[in-house]
Structure formats: C-alpha cells, structure tokens
Amino acid sequence: TSLAQKYIELSKSIRKLMTTNFSIDEQFDYSKEESQLVEIFNNYLSQRNFLEAEQFIQDQIKKKPKSVILNYYYAKYLKERKHDVDQAISILESIREKSMNNSKLLILLVECYASQAIPDFEKGQNYAKQIEDFEINDGTKIELAKFYTHWSTSLKIKAGGDPFEEQQRQTKYQSLATHALEILEDVNNRNHVVYHLLAQ
C-alpha cells in the first residue's frame, strides 16, 4: 500500500499540487514517492495539523536527507509558518547546488535573506541576479520586484549621514526602485499586487 493510498482522504484536496505550483521548466527532480510525501505534508498543513506536519516532514527528511523537494518544502514551512528564516536559509543553502540553482529555490532564498532580523539584501541580490538570467514567469517577476522595492524602501527611510553618504543612499534607493519598475513592466498578467508595487 502506497503512502498516497494510506492517506487518500487527506490527499484529495491537493492532488494537483505539483502541477499547480511548478511550471514545467521549473520542476524539481523528484520521484513519485517524494511527490506523494509532499502531498501528505501539505494536507496536514491544510488541516492545520502543524505539529503533525512538521514531525512528518522531519521524519521523511531523516530517511531522505538529500531530497531537494522535501527540504525545499520544509524550508518554506519554516519561513512562512514559523518565521525561522535562519534555519530555512541553512537548509536551502545546503541543497542549492544539488537543485542546480532552481529558480523557485533561489527566490525563496532571496525572500529569506530579505526577511532576516537584519536583512542581508546584498546576499539576496546575488541570487536575484541569477534568477533574472532565467526565463521566469510573472509570479517570479513579482517576487523579484517585491525584493527590490523592499530594499529600496528600507534605504529610503534611513536617516542620512554626511552629504557624501546621503548622496550614495539616494542614488542606491532610486536605482533599486527603478529596477523594480523595470521588472514589473515586463509582467503580462497584472493584478492588485503589481499595481500596488507600481504605486510605491
């Protein structure tokens, strides 16, 4: 009996998870079993069984410590549910090369570095630049624009130092804001998030 069959009632609501969340060119290299494990993990989350979800994914990673997709989803959970971005970064960095710098993994890394208690925007930018070299979808473009807008805003509200530093600060946040706008201009299917970013 497969894991998917054993948890069939849990799995129904997100049977299309993998095709919904990943475009063909951005899919991770994962097995059918790993796909089933992710379905089960996400079903625990959809039922708000967070302790069971975390225990389940941790147990599966112990069995498959090199699994890119299991580690990715655990890191995503740590960032979004537990706000533990430092651990999420550690996990993502450990699988980044094995994922061949998958764009979905890199964008999560960018978000994590920007979400630290003291954001490391420069580190995030290293990966953002790599993502921009890919053929990316509108969703990824929006996430990149959010990153550059966040960075620009954080610089804009900082108190100025001496005149030279103040000039550098202004030049930097204006450059970042301009780059965010350039990315957004290339978004085909615009929604309220895009218009909100354009208005900033």
N, C-alpha and C. Protein backbone atom coordinates (compact mmCIF):
# COMPACT_ATOMS: atom_id res chain seq x y z
N THR A 1 0.84 -1.19 0.00
CA THR A 1 0.00 0.00 0.00
C THR A 1 0.88 1.25 0.00
N SER A 2 0.67 2.14 -0.97
CA SER A 2 1.49 3.34 -1.06
C SER A 2 1.05 4.35 -0.01
N LEU A 3 1.93 5.30 0.27
CA LEU A 3 1.59 6.36 1.23
C LEU A 3 0.39 7.16 0.74
N ALA A 4 0.31 7.38 -0.57
CA ALA A 4 -0.82 8.14 -1.11
C ALA A 4 -2.14 7.42 -0.85
N GLN A 5 -2.14 6.08 -1.00
CA GLN A 5 -3.35 5.30 -0.74
C GLN A 5 -3.70 5.31 0.74
N LYS A 6 -2.67 5.20 1.57
CA LYS A 6 -2.89 5.16 3.01
C LYS A 6 -3.52 6.45 3.52
N TYR A 7 -3.16 7.54 2.89
CA TYR A 7 -3.68 8.84 3.32
C TYR A 7 -4.59 9.45 2.26
N ILE A 8 -5.35 8.60 1.57
CA ILE A 8 -6.13 9.04 0.42
C ILE A 8 -7.09 10.17 0.76
N GLU A 9 -7.73 10.10 1.93
CA GLU A 9 -8.69 11.13 2.29
C GLU A 9 -8.00 12.47 2.54
N LEU A 10 -6.79 12.40 3.08
CA LEU A 10 -6.03 13.63 3.29
C LEU A 10 -5.55 14.23 1.97
N SER A 11 -5.30 13.36 1.00
CA SER A 11 -4.64 13.80 -0.22
C SER A 11 -5.58 14.38 -1.28
N LYS A 12 -6.87 14.16 -1.18
CA LYS A 12 -7.78 14.54 -2.24
C LYS A 12 -7.74 16.02 -2.59
N SER A 13 -7.69 16.86 -1.55
CA SER A 13 -7.85 18.30 -1.80
C SER A 13 -6.69 18.93 -2.55
N ILE A 14 -5.51 18.27 -2.53
CA ILE A 14 -4.37 18.88 -3.24
C ILE A 14 -3.69 17.89 -4.19
N ARG A 15 -4.48 17.08 -4.84
CA ARG A 15 -3.95 16.09 -5.76
C ARG A 15 -3.13 16.73 -6.88
N LYS A 16 -3.52 17.96 -7.24
CA LYS A 16 -2.84 18.63 -8.35
C LYS A 16 -1.73 19.56 -7.87
N LEU A 17 -1.27 19.34 -6.67
CA LEU A 17 -0.28 20.24 -6.06
C LEU A 17 0.94 20.47 -6.95
N MET A 18 1.54 19.42 -7.45
CA MET A 18 2.80 19.56 -8.15
C MET A 18 2.65 20.33 -9.46
N THR A 19 1.57 20.04 -10.20
CA THR A 19 1.38 20.74 -11.46
C THR A 19 0.90 22.16 -11.24
N THR A 20 0.25 22.43 -10.12
CA THR A 20 -0.23 23.78 -9.83
C THR A 20 0.92 24.69 -9.44
N ASN A 21 1.81 24.21 -8.63
CA ASN A 21 2.86 25.06 -8.06
C ASN A 21 4.12 25.16 -8.90
N PHE A 22 4.32 24.27 -9.85
CA PHE A 22 5.55 24.29 -10.61
C PHE A 22 5.27 24.30 -12.10
N SER A 23 5.84 25.27 -12.81
CA SER A 23 5.78 25.23 -14.25
C SER A 23 6.74 24.14 -14.72
N ILE A 24 6.56 23.68 -15.95
CA ILE A 24 7.33 22.54 -16.43
C ILE A 24 8.84 22.80 -16.35
N ASP A 25 9.25 24.01 -16.72
CA ASP A 25 10.68 24.30 -16.76
C ASP A 25 11.27 24.55 -15.40
N GLU A 26 10.44 24.61 -14.35
CA GLU A 26 10.95 24.89 -13.02
C GLU A 26 10.78 23.73 -12.05
N GLN A 27 10.33 22.60 -12.56
CA GLN A 27 10.11 21.47 -11.66
C GLN A 27 11.42 20.96 -11.09
N PHE A 28 11.35 20.55 -9.83
CA PHE A 28 12.48 19.88 -9.23
C PHE A 28 12.56 18.45 -9.77
N ASP A 29 13.73 17.88 -9.62
CA ASP A 29 13.92 16.48 -9.99
C ASP A 29 13.48 15.63 -8.80
N TYR A 30 12.26 15.14 -8.83
CA TYR A 30 11.71 14.40 -7.70
C TYR A 30 11.06 13.11 -8.17
N SER A 31 10.98 12.16 -7.27
CA SER A 31 10.37 10.87 -7.58
C SER A 31 8.87 10.91 -7.28
N LYS A 32 8.18 9.87 -7.73
CA LYS A 32 6.75 9.76 -7.45
C LYS A 32 6.51 9.67 -5.95
N GLU A 33 7.39 8.95 -5.26
CA GLU A 33 7.24 8.82 -3.80
C GLU A 33 7.39 10.17 -3.13
N GLU A 34 8.38 10.95 -3.56
CA GLU A 34 8.57 12.28 -2.98
C GLU A 34 7.37 13.17 -3.23
N SER A 35 6.78 13.06 -4.41
CA SER A 35 5.57 13.81 -4.72
C SER A 35 4.45 13.45 -3.75
N GLN A 36 4.31 12.18 -3.47
CA GLN A 36 3.29 11.71 -2.53
C GLN A 36 3.55 12.23 -1.12
N LEU A 37 4.82 12.25 -0.72
CA LEU A 37 5.17 12.74 0.61
C LEU A 37 4.85 14.23 0.75
N VAL A 38 5.11 14.98 -0.31
CA VAL A 38 4.79 16.41 -0.28
C VAL A 38 3.27 16.61 -0.19
N GLU A 39 2.52 15.79 -0.90
CA GLU A 39 1.06 15.87 -0.83
C GLU A 39 0.57 15.65 0.61
N ILE A 40 1.12 14.66 1.25
CA ILE A 40 0.72 14.35 2.63
C ILE A 40 1.08 15.51 3.55
N PHE A 41 2.30 16.02 3.42
CA PHE A 41 2.75 17.15 4.24
C PHE A 41 1.82 18.35 4.06
N ASN A 42 1.51 18.67 2.83
CA ASN A 42 0.66 19.83 2.58
C ASN A 42 -0.78 19.61 3.04
N ASN A 43 -1.22 18.37 3.01
CA ASN A 43 -2.56 18.08 3.53
C ASN A 43 -2.61 18.26 5.05
N TYR A 44 -1.57 17.87 5.74
CA TYR A 44 -1.50 18.15 7.17
C TYR A 44 -1.62 19.66 7.41
N LEU A 45 -0.90 20.44 6.59
CA LEU A 45 -0.95 21.90 6.75
C LEU A 45 -2.34 22.43 6.44
N SER A 46 -2.97 21.90 5.40
CA SER A 46 -4.30 22.39 5.04
C SER A 46 -5.33 22.07 6.13
N GLN A 47 -5.07 21.03 6.91
CA GLN A 47 -5.93 20.67 8.03
C GLN A 47 -5.51 21.39 9.31
N ARG A 48 -4.46 22.23 9.19
CA ARG A 48 -3.92 22.99 10.32
C ARG A 48 -3.35 22.08 11.41
N ASN A 49 -2.90 20.91 10.98
CA ASN A 49 -2.23 20.00 11.90
C ASN A 49 -0.71 20.25 11.81
N PHE A 50 -0.30 21.38 12.36
CA PHE A 50 1.07 21.84 12.14
C PHE A 50 2.12 20.97 12.84
N LEU A 51 1.82 20.51 14.05
CA LEU A 51 2.78 19.66 14.75
C LEU A 51 2.98 18.35 14.00
N GLU A 52 1.86 17.77 13.54
CA GLU A 52 1.96 16.52 12.78
C GLU A 52 2.68 16.74 11.47
N ALA A 53 2.42 17.88 10.83
CA ALA A 53 3.07 18.18 9.55
C ALA A 53 4.59 18.28 9.73
N GLU A 54 5.00 19.00 10.77
CA GLU A 54 6.43 19.18 10.98
C GLU A 54 7.11 17.87 11.35
N GLN A 55 6.47 17.09 12.20
CA GLN A 55 7.04 15.80 12.58
C GLN A 55 7.16 14.88 11.35
N PHE A 56 6.13 14.92 10.51
CA PHE A 56 6.11 14.08 9.31
C PHE A 56 7.25 14.45 8.37
N ILE A 57 7.40 15.74 8.06
CA ILE A 57 8.43 16.14 7.10
C ILE A 57 9.82 15.92 7.66
N GLN A 58 9.99 16.13 8.97
CA GLN A 58 11.29 15.86 9.59
C GLN A 58 11.65 14.38 9.50
N ASP A 59 10.66 13.53 9.75
CA ASP A 59 10.89 12.08 9.67
C ASP A 59 11.29 11.67 8.25
N GLN A 60 10.61 12.25 7.27
CA GLN A 60 10.90 11.89 5.88
C GLN A 60 12.27 12.38 5.44
N ILE A 61 12.67 13.57 5.93
CA ILE A 61 13.99 14.10 5.58
C ILE A 61 15.09 13.26 6.22
N LYS A 62 14.83 12.71 7.41
CA LYS A 62 15.80 11.82 8.02
C LYS A 62 16.04 10.59 7.14
N LYS A 63 14.98 10.13 6.49
CA LYS A 63 15.09 8.97 5.60
C LYS A 63 15.71 9.35 4.25
N LYS A 64 15.44 10.61 3.83
CA LYS A 64 15.92 11.08 2.53
C LYS A 64 16.59 12.44 2.72
N PRO A 65 17.72 12.49 3.41
CA PRO A 65 18.34 13.77 3.75
C PRO A 65 18.78 14.62 2.56
N LYS A 66 18.98 13.98 1.40
CA LYS A 66 19.43 14.72 0.22
C LYS A 66 18.29 15.11 -0.72
N SER A 67 17.07 14.83 -0.31
CA SER A 67 15.93 15.17 -1.16
C SER A 67 15.77 16.67 -1.27
N VAL A 68 15.88 17.19 -2.48
CA VAL A 68 15.75 18.63 -2.70
C VAL A 68 14.33 19.10 -2.40
N ILE A 69 13.35 18.38 -2.92
CA ILE A 69 11.97 18.86 -2.80
C ILE A 69 11.45 18.78 -1.37
N LEU A 70 11.84 17.75 -0.62
CA LEU A 70 11.40 17.66 0.78
C LEU A 70 12.04 18.78 1.61
N ASN A 71 13.31 19.02 1.39
CA ASN A 71 13.98 20.09 2.12
C ASN A 71 13.44 21.46 1.72
N TYR A 72 13.12 21.61 0.45
CA TYR A 72 12.55 22.88 -0.02
C TYR A 72 11.24 23.18 0.70
N TYR A 73 10.35 22.18 0.75
CA TYR A 73 9.05 22.41 1.38
C TYR A 73 9.16 22.61 2.89
N TYR A 74 10.15 21.96 3.49
CA TYR A 74 10.35 22.17 4.92
C TYR A 74 10.87 23.59 5.17
N ALA A 75 11.81 24.04 4.35
CA ALA A 75 12.32 25.40 4.48
C ALA A 75 11.21 26.43 4.26
N LYS A 76 10.37 26.18 3.29
CA LYS A 76 9.24 27.08 3.01
C LYS A 76 8.31 27.16 4.22
N TYR A 77 8.06 26.01 4.83
CA TYR A 77 7.24 25.95 6.04
C TYR A 77 7.89 26.74 7.17
N LEU A 78 9.19 26.56 7.35
CA LEU A 78 9.90 27.27 8.43
C LEU A 78 9.80 28.78 8.24
N LYS A 79 9.92 29.23 7.01
CA LYS A 79 9.85 30.68 6.75
C LYS A 79 8.44 31.21 6.94
N GLU A 80 7.47 30.56 6.32
CA GLU A 80 6.12 31.10 6.28
C GLU A 80 5.30 30.83 7.53
N ARG A 81 5.52 29.70 8.16
CA ARG A 81 4.70 29.33 9.32
C ARG A 81 5.40 29.64 10.63
N LYS A 82 6.70 29.34 10.72
CA LYS A 82 7.43 29.51 11.98
C LYS A 82 8.31 30.76 12.00
N HIS A 83 8.44 31.40 10.86
CA HIS A 83 9.26 32.62 10.74
C HIS A 83 10.70 32.38 11.19
N ASP A 84 11.17 31.18 10.97
CA ASP A 84 12.54 30.83 11.30
C ASP A 84 13.36 30.89 10.01
N VAL A 85 13.67 32.11 9.58
CA VAL A 85 14.34 32.27 8.29
C VAL A 85 15.79 31.82 8.33
N ASP A 86 16.42 31.90 9.49
CA ASP A 86 17.82 31.48 9.57
C ASP A 86 17.96 29.99 9.31
N GLN A 87 17.08 29.19 9.93
CA GLN A 87 17.14 27.75 9.67
C GLN A 87 16.74 27.44 8.24
N ALA A 88 15.75 28.18 7.73
CA ALA A 88 15.33 27.98 6.35
C ALA A 88 16.49 28.24 5.39
N ILE A 89 17.25 29.30 5.64
CA ILE A 89 18.41 29.63 4.81
C ILE A 89 19.44 28.50 4.87
N SER A 90 19.70 28.01 6.07
CA SER A 90 20.67 26.93 6.22
C SER A 90 20.28 25.71 5.39
N ILE A 91 19.00 25.36 5.41
CA ILE A 91 18.51 24.21 4.65
C ILE A 91 18.63 24.46 3.15
N LEU A 92 18.18 25.63 2.73
CA LEU A 92 18.19 25.94 1.30
C LEU A 92 19.61 26.02 0.74
N GLU A 93 20.51 26.59 1.51
CA GLU A 93 21.90 26.68 1.05
C GLU A 93 22.51 25.28 0.93
N SER A 94 22.06 24.36 1.77
CA SER A 94 22.63 23.00 1.75
C SER A 94 22.20 22.21 0.52
N ILE A 95 21.09 22.61 -0.11
CA ILE A 95 20.58 21.87 -1.27
C ILE A 95 20.63 22.70 -2.56
N ARG A 96 21.11 23.92 -2.47
CA ARG A 96 21.08 24.82 -3.62
C ARG A 96 21.83 24.25 -4.82
N GLU A 97 23.05 23.80 -4.60
CA GLU A 97 23.83 23.28 -5.72
C GLU A 97 23.22 22.00 -6.28
N LYS A 98 22.71 21.15 -5.40
CA LYS A 98 22.09 19.91 -5.86
C LYS A 98 20.84 20.19 -6.71
N SER A 99 20.17 21.32 -6.41
CA SER A 99 18.98 21.69 -7.18
C SER A 99 19.36 22.34 -8.51
N MET A 100 20.66 22.52 -8.74
CA MET A 100 21.17 23.20 -9.92
C MET A 100 20.63 24.63 -9.98
N ASN A 101 20.60 25.26 -8.81
CA ASN A 101 20.14 26.64 -8.68
C ASN A 101 18.74 26.84 -9.29
N ASN A 102 17.84 25.94 -8.90
CA ASN A 102 16.46 26.03 -9.34
C ASN A 102 15.89 27.40 -8.98
N SER A 103 15.17 28.03 -9.90
CA SER A 103 14.71 29.40 -9.69
C SER A 103 13.73 29.53 -8.53
N LYS A 104 12.90 28.50 -8.30
CA LYS A 104 11.95 28.58 -7.19
C LYS A 104 12.67 28.51 -5.86
N LEU A 105 13.73 27.72 -5.80
CA LEU A 105 14.52 27.64 -4.58
C LEU A 105 15.27 28.96 -4.35
N LEU A 106 15.81 29.52 -5.43
CA LEU A 106 16.55 30.78 -5.29
C LEU A 106 15.65 31.92 -4.86
N ILE A 107 14.44 31.98 -5.38
CA ILE A 107 13.55 33.09 -4.99
C ILE A 107 13.17 32.96 -3.52
N LEU A 108 13.04 31.74 -3.03
CA LEU A 108 12.77 31.55 -1.60
C LEU A 108 13.97 32.00 -0.77
N LEU A 109 15.17 31.73 -1.26
CA LEU A 109 16.38 32.20 -0.58
C LEU A 109 16.43 33.73 -0.55
N VAL A 110 16.08 34.35 -1.66
CA VAL A 110 16.04 35.82 -1.74
C VAL A 110 15.08 36.36 -0.69
N GLU A 111 13.90 35.77 -0.61
CA GLU A 111 12.89 36.21 0.36
C GLU A 111 13.39 36.02 1.79
N CYS A 112 14.08 34.91 2.03
CA CYS A 112 14.58 34.64 3.39
C CYS A 112 15.64 35.66 3.80
N TYR A 113 16.58 35.93 2.91
CA TYR A 113 17.62 36.91 3.26
C TYR A 113 17.02 38.29 3.51
N ALA A 114 15.97 38.63 2.78
CA ALA A 114 15.32 39.94 2.97
C ALA A 114 14.46 39.97 4.22
N SER A 115 14.16 38.79 4.80
CA SER A 115 13.27 38.69 5.96
C SER A 115 14.02 38.50 7.27
N GLN A 116 15.35 38.47 7.22
CA GLN A 116 16.12 38.30 8.45
C GLN A 116 15.92 39.52 9.36
N ALA A 117 16.22 39.32 10.65
CA ALA A 117 16.08 40.42 11.61
C ALA A 117 16.87 41.64 11.13
N ILE A 118 18.06 41.39 10.63
CA ILE A 118 18.83 42.43 9.92
C ILE A 118 18.95 41.93 8.49
N PRO A 119 18.10 42.42 7.59
CA PRO A 119 18.07 41.89 6.22
C PRO A 119 19.43 41.95 5.54
N ASP A 120 19.78 40.87 4.87
CA ASP A 120 21.02 40.81 4.10
C ASP A 120 20.65 40.93 2.62
N PHE A 121 20.33 42.17 2.22
CA PHE A 121 19.88 42.39 0.85
C PHE A 121 20.96 42.07 -0.18
N GLU A 122 22.20 42.36 0.16
CA GLU A 122 23.29 42.09 -0.78
C GLU A 122 23.39 40.60 -1.10
N LYS A 123 23.25 39.77 -0.06
CA LYS A 123 23.29 38.33 -0.28
C LYS A 123 22.10 37.90 -1.14
N GLY A 124 20.93 38.46 -0.81
CA GLY A 124 19.75 38.15 -1.61
C GLY A 124 19.91 38.57 -3.06
N GLN A 125 20.57 39.70 -3.28
CA GLN A 125 20.76 40.19 -4.64
C GLN A 125 21.61 39.23 -5.48
N ASN A 126 22.57 38.56 -4.83
CA ASN A 126 23.40 37.60 -5.56
C ASN A 126 22.54 36.56 -6.26
N TYR A 127 21.50 36.11 -5.56
CA TYR A 127 20.61 35.10 -6.13
C TYR A 127 19.56 35.72 -7.04
N ALA A 128 19.13 36.93 -6.70
CA ALA A 128 18.15 37.62 -7.54
C ALA A 128 18.71 37.81 -8.95
N LYS A 129 19.98 38.17 -9.04
CA LYS A 129 20.60 38.36 -10.35
C LYS A 129 20.64 37.06 -11.14
N GLN A 130 20.87 35.95 -10.44
CA GLN A 130 20.87 34.66 -11.13
C GLN A 130 19.49 34.35 -11.69
N ILE A 131 18.47 34.64 -10.89
CA ILE A 131 17.09 34.38 -11.32
C ILE A 131 16.75 35.19 -12.56
N GLU A 132 17.21 36.42 -12.60
CA GLU A 132 16.90 37.30 -13.73
C GLU A 132 17.49 36.81 -15.03
N ASP A 133 18.46 35.91 -14.95
CA ASP A 133 19.04 35.34 -16.16
C ASP A 133 18.20 34.20 -16.71
N PHE A 134 17.21 33.74 -15.92
CA PHE A 134 16.34 32.64 -16.35
C PHE A 134 15.15 33.17 -17.14
N GLU A 135 14.48 32.25 -17.84
CA GLU A 135 13.15 32.53 -18.37
C GLU A 135 12.18 32.32 -17.22
N ILE A 136 11.64 33.38 -16.66
CA ILE A 136 10.82 33.27 -15.46
C ILE A 136 9.39 33.71 -15.72
N ASN A 137 8.48 33.19 -14.90
CA ASN A 137 7.08 33.52 -15.07
C ASN A 137 6.72 34.81 -14.34
N ASP A 138 5.49 35.25 -14.51
CA ASP A 138 5.06 36.52 -13.91
C ASP A 138 5.14 36.49 -12.39
N GLY A 139 4.81 35.34 -11.79
CA GLY A 139 4.85 35.24 -10.34
C GLY A 139 6.24 35.49 -9.79
N THR A 140 7.24 34.92 -10.45
CA THR A 140 8.63 35.11 -10.02
C THR A 140 9.07 36.55 -10.24
N LYS A 141 8.64 37.14 -11.34
CA LYS A 141 8.97 38.55 -11.59
C LYS A 141 8.41 39.45 -10.49
N ILE A 142 7.20 39.15 -10.06
CA ILE A 142 6.58 39.95 -9.00
C ILE A 142 7.35 39.81 -7.70
N GLU A 143 7.79 38.58 -7.39
CA GLU A 143 8.57 38.37 -6.17
C GLU A 143 9.90 39.11 -6.22
N LEU A 144 10.52 39.13 -7.38
CA LEU A 144 11.76 39.89 -7.54
C LEU A 144 11.51 41.38 -7.34
N ALA A 145 10.43 41.87 -7.92
CA ALA A 145 10.09 43.29 -7.78
C ALA A 145 9.81 43.64 -6.31
N LYS A 146 9.17 42.73 -5.59
CA LYS A 146 8.93 42.94 -4.15
C LYS A 146 10.25 43.08 -3.41
N PHE A 147 11.20 42.22 -3.76
CA PHE A 147 12.51 42.25 -3.11
C PHE A 147 13.19 43.59 -3.33
N TYR A 148 13.26 44.05 -4.57
CA TYR A 148 13.95 45.31 -4.86
C TYR A 148 13.19 46.50 -4.26
N THR A 149 11.86 46.43 -4.22
CA THR A 149 11.08 47.50 -3.62
C THR A 149 11.31 47.56 -2.11
N HIS A 150 11.34 46.39 -1.48
CA HIS A 150 11.61 46.30 -0.04
C HIS A 150 12.97 46.90 0.28
N TRP A 151 13.97 46.54 -0.49
CA TRP A 151 15.33 47.05 -0.29
C TRP A 151 15.36 48.57 -0.48
N SER A 152 14.73 49.02 -1.55
CA SER A 152 14.70 50.46 -1.83
C SER A 152 14.03 51.24 -0.70
N THR A 153 12.91 50.72 -0.22
CA THR A 153 12.17 51.39 0.85
C THR A 153 12.98 51.44 2.14
N SER A 154 13.67 50.34 2.45
CA SER A 154 14.47 50.30 3.68
C SER A 154 15.59 51.34 3.64
N LEU A 155 16.16 51.57 2.47
CA LEU A 155 17.20 52.59 2.34
C LEU A 155 16.60 53.99 2.38
N LYS A 156 15.44 54.14 1.79
CA LYS A 156 14.81 55.46 1.69
C LYS A 156 14.48 56.03 3.06
N ILE A 157 14.10 55.17 4.01
CA ILE A 157 13.66 55.66 5.32
C ILE A 157 14.82 55.80 6.31
N LYS A 158 16.03 55.41 5.90
CA LYS A 158 17.17 55.55 6.80
C LYS A 158 17.57 57.01 6.93
N ALA A 159 18.01 57.38 8.14
CA ALA A 159 18.49 58.75 8.36
C ALA A 159 19.79 58.95 7.61
N GLY A 160 19.96 60.12 7.03
CA GLY A 160 21.15 60.40 6.26
C GLY A 160 22.36 60.63 7.13
N GLY A 161 23.54 60.36 6.59
CA GLY A 161 24.78 60.62 7.30
C GLY A 161 25.41 61.89 6.77
N ASP A 162 26.67 61.84 6.44
CA ASP A 162 27.31 63.03 5.85
C ASP A 162 26.81 63.19 4.42
N PRO A 163 27.04 64.34 3.80
CA PRO A 163 26.50 64.61 2.47
C PRO A 163 26.86 63.55 1.42
N PHE A 164 28.09 63.04 1.48
CA PHE A 164 28.50 62.02 0.52
C PHE A 164 27.71 60.73 0.71
N GLU A 165 27.57 60.29 1.96
CA GLU A 165 26.81 59.07 2.25
C GLU A 165 25.34 59.26 1.88
N GLU A 166 24.82 60.46 2.14
CA GLU A 166 23.43 60.74 1.81
C GLU A 166 23.20 60.66 0.30
N GLN A 167 24.14 61.16 -0.47
CA GLN A 167 24.02 61.09 -1.93
C GLN A 167 24.06 59.65 -2.42
N GLN A 168 24.94 58.87 -1.80
CA GLN A 168 25.03 57.45 -2.16
C GLN A 168 23.73 56.72 -1.84
N ARG A 169 23.17 57.03 -0.67
CA ARG A 169 21.92 56.38 -0.25
C ARG A 169 20.79 56.71 -1.23
N GLN A 170 20.66 57.96 -1.59
CA GLN A 170 19.61 58.37 -2.50
C GLN A 170 19.77 57.72 -3.88
N THR A 171 21.00 57.70 -4.34
CA THR A 171 21.27 57.09 -5.65
C THR A 171 20.92 55.60 -5.63
N LYS A 172 21.28 54.93 -4.52
CA LYS A 172 21.04 53.49 -4.41
C LYS A 172 19.55 53.18 -4.37
N TYR A 173 18.78 53.88 -3.52
CA TYR A 173 17.37 53.51 -3.41
C TYR A 173 16.60 53.88 -4.68
N GLN A 174 17.02 54.93 -5.35
CA GLN A 174 16.37 55.28 -6.61
C GLN A 174 16.67 54.25 -7.69
N SER A 175 17.91 53.76 -7.70
CA SER A 175 18.30 52.74 -8.66
C SER A 175 17.52 51.43 -8.43
N LEU A 176 17.38 51.06 -7.17
CA LEU A 176 16.63 49.84 -6.84
C LEU A 176 15.16 49.96 -7.21
N ALA A 177 14.58 51.13 -6.93
CA ALA A 177 13.18 51.36 -7.27
C ALA A 177 12.97 51.31 -8.78
N THR A 178 13.89 51.89 -9.51
CA THR A 178 13.81 51.87 -10.97
C THR A 178 13.89 50.45 -11.50
N HIS A 179 14.77 49.65 -10.91
CA HIS A 179 14.92 48.27 -11.37
C HIS A 179 13.64 47.47 -11.08
N ALA A 180 13.04 47.70 -9.93
CA ALA A 180 11.77 47.03 -9.61
C ALA A 180 10.70 47.38 -10.64
N LEU A 181 10.63 48.65 -11.03
CA LEU A 181 9.66 49.08 -12.03
C LEU A 181 9.93 48.43 -13.39
N GLU A 182 11.20 48.30 -13.73
CA GLU A 182 11.55 47.66 -15.00
C GLU A 182 11.10 46.21 -15.03
N ILE A 183 11.25 45.53 -13.91
CA ILE A 183 10.79 44.14 -13.83
C ILE A 183 9.27 44.06 -13.95
N LEU A 184 8.57 44.96 -13.26
CA LEU A 184 7.11 44.96 -13.29
C LEU A 184 6.56 45.29 -14.68
N GLU A 185 7.27 46.11 -15.41
CA GLU A 185 6.82 46.47 -16.77
C GLU A 185 6.78 45.25 -17.68
N ASP A 186 7.53 44.22 -17.30
CA ASP A 186 7.60 43.01 -18.11
C ASP A 186 6.59 41.96 -17.67
N VAL A 187 5.76 42.30 -16.67
CA VAL A 187 4.72 41.37 -16.20
C VAL A 187 3.50 41.48 -17.11
N ASN A 188 3.07 40.37 -17.66
CA ASN A 188 1.95 40.38 -18.60
C ASN A 188 0.59 40.41 -17.91
N ASN A 189 0.43 39.52 -16.94
CA ASN A 189 -0.86 39.41 -16.25
C ASN A 189 -0.80 40.18 -14.93
N ARG A 190 -1.25 41.41 -14.95
CA ARG A 190 -1.13 42.27 -13.77
C ARG A 190 -2.31 42.09 -12.83
N ASN A 191 -2.02 42.14 -11.54
CA ASN A 191 -3.06 42.04 -10.53
C ASN A 191 -2.90 43.18 -9.53
N HIS A 192 -3.64 43.12 -8.43
CA HIS A 192 -3.60 44.21 -7.46
C HIS A 192 -2.22 44.36 -6.82
N VAL A 193 -1.50 43.24 -6.71
CA VAL A 193 -0.15 43.31 -6.13
C VAL A 193 0.77 44.12 -7.03
N VAL A 194 0.68 43.89 -8.33
CA VAL A 194 1.51 44.63 -9.28
C VAL A 194 1.20 46.12 -9.22
N TYR A 195 -0.09 46.44 -9.23
CA TYR A 195 -0.48 47.85 -9.20
C TYR A 195 -0.07 48.52 -7.90
N HIS A 196 -0.11 47.76 -6.81
CA HIS A 196 0.33 48.31 -5.52
C HIS A 196 1.83 48.61 -5.57
N LEU A 197 2.61 47.71 -6.13
CA LEU A 197 4.05 47.93 -6.24
C LEU A 197 4.36 49.09 -7.18
N LEU A 198 3.64 49.19 -8.26
CA LEU A 198 3.85 50.28 -9.21
C LEU A 198 3.57 51.64 -8.58
N ALA A 199 2.66 51.64 -7.60
CA ALA A 199 2.27 52.90 -6.97
C ALA A 199 3.27 53.38 -5.91
N GLN A 200 4.18 52.50 -5.51
CA GLN A 200 5.11 52.87 -4.45
C GLN A 200 6.26 53.74 -4.96
